[in-house]
């Protein structure tokens, strides 16, 4: 099932946004020299955007699966 999710570009984009925001957030809190200069606002904005994109992507994926099952029944 996870293999099918990665074929959808919306879910892939949201995953990349979410993971990159987590990396920057961890670097910000642990004061990694390269990432400690990062502003927290941009990290949180990217994190929220990634969550929203993932939410809508999974909802779209679920809706496609429901519609496909309906078409098979007809």
Protein backbone atom coordinates (compact mmCIF):
# COMPACT_ATOMS: atom_id res chain seq x y z
CA UNK A 1 0.00 0.00 0.00
CA UNK A 2 2.83 2.41 0.82
CA UNK A 3 4.32 1.66 -2.58
CA UNK A 4 1.20 3.02 -4.28
CA UNK A 5 1.26 6.25 -2.23
CA UNK A 6 4.68 7.27 -3.56
CA UNK A 7 3.36 7.24 -7.12
CA UNK A 8 1.23 10.30 -6.39
CA UNK A 9 3.21 13.53 -6.80
CA UNK A 10 1.14 15.43 -4.21
CA UNK A 11 1.97 12.90 -1.48
CA UNK A 12 5.61 12.81 -2.53
CA UNK A 13 5.87 16.62 -2.44
CA UNK A 14 4.19 16.81 0.95
CA UNK A 15 6.50 14.13 2.33
CA UNK A 16 9.59 15.96 1.11
CA UNK A 17 8.34 19.24 2.61
CA UNK A 18 7.52 17.59 5.93
CA UNK A 19 10.84 15.73 6.19
CA UNK A 20 12.91 18.78 5.25
CA UNK A 21 11.09 20.87 7.86
CA UNK A 22 11.78 18.20 10.48
CA UNK A 23 15.48 18.13 9.59
CA UNK A 24 15.71 21.91 9.89
CA UNK A 25 13.72 21.88 13.15
CA UNK A 26 16.00 19.26 14.70
CA UNK A 27 19.04 21.22 13.51
CA UNK A 28 17.58 24.41 14.96
CA UNK A 29 16.95 22.90 18.40
CA UNK A 30 20.28 21.05 18.61
CA UNK A 31 22.20 24.11 17.36
CA UNK A 32 23.82 22.43 14.38
CA UNK A 33 26.20 25.14 13.08
CA UNK A 34 24.80 25.15 9.54
CA UNK A 35 21.14 25.15 10.64
CA UNK A 36 21.19 27.30 13.79
CA UNK A 37 20.89 30.49 11.73
CA UNK A 38 17.57 29.33 10.30
CA UNK A 39 14.50 31.27 11.37
CA UNK A 40 11.85 29.32 13.24
CA UNK A 41 8.99 30.98 11.34
CA UNK A 42 10.08 29.53 8.01
CA UNK A 43 10.51 26.10 9.53
CA UNK A 44 7.02 26.14 11.04
CA UNK A 45 5.51 27.48 7.80
CA UNK A 46 7.11 24.64 5.82
CA UNK A 47 6.01 22.10 8.44
CA UNK A 48 2.40 23.30 8.36
CA UNK A 49 2.45 23.42 4.55
CA UNK A 50 3.79 19.88 4.39
CA UNK A 51 1.10 18.62 6.76
CA UNK A 52 -1.62 20.33 4.71
CA UNK A 53 -0.29 18.99 1.41
CA UNK A 54 -0.06 15.48 2.89
CA UNK A 55 -3.58 15.73 4.30
CA UNK A 56 -5.09 16.80 1.01
CA UNK A 57 -2.96 14.28 -0.90
CA UNK A 58 -4.12 11.35 1.23
CA UNK A 59 -7.71 12.58 1.05
CA UNK A 60 -7.44 12.76 -2.76
CA UNK A 61 -5.87 9.29 -2.86
CA UNK A 62 -8.66 7.88 -0.69
CA UNK A 63 -11.32 9.53 -2.87
CA UNK A 64 -9.76 8.02 -6.00
CA UNK A 65 -9.81 4.58 -4.39
CA UNK A 66 -13.48 4.94 -3.44
CA UNK A 67 -14.40 6.09 -6.95
CA UNK A 68 -12.44 3.20 -8.49
CA UNK A 69 -14.35 0.71 -6.33
CA UNK A 70 -17.65 2.29 -7.38
CA UNK A 71 -16.72 2.00 -11.04
CA UNK A 72 -15.82 -1.66 -10.61
CA UNK A 73 -19.19 -2.44 -9.05
CA UNK A 74 -21.14 -0.85 -11.87
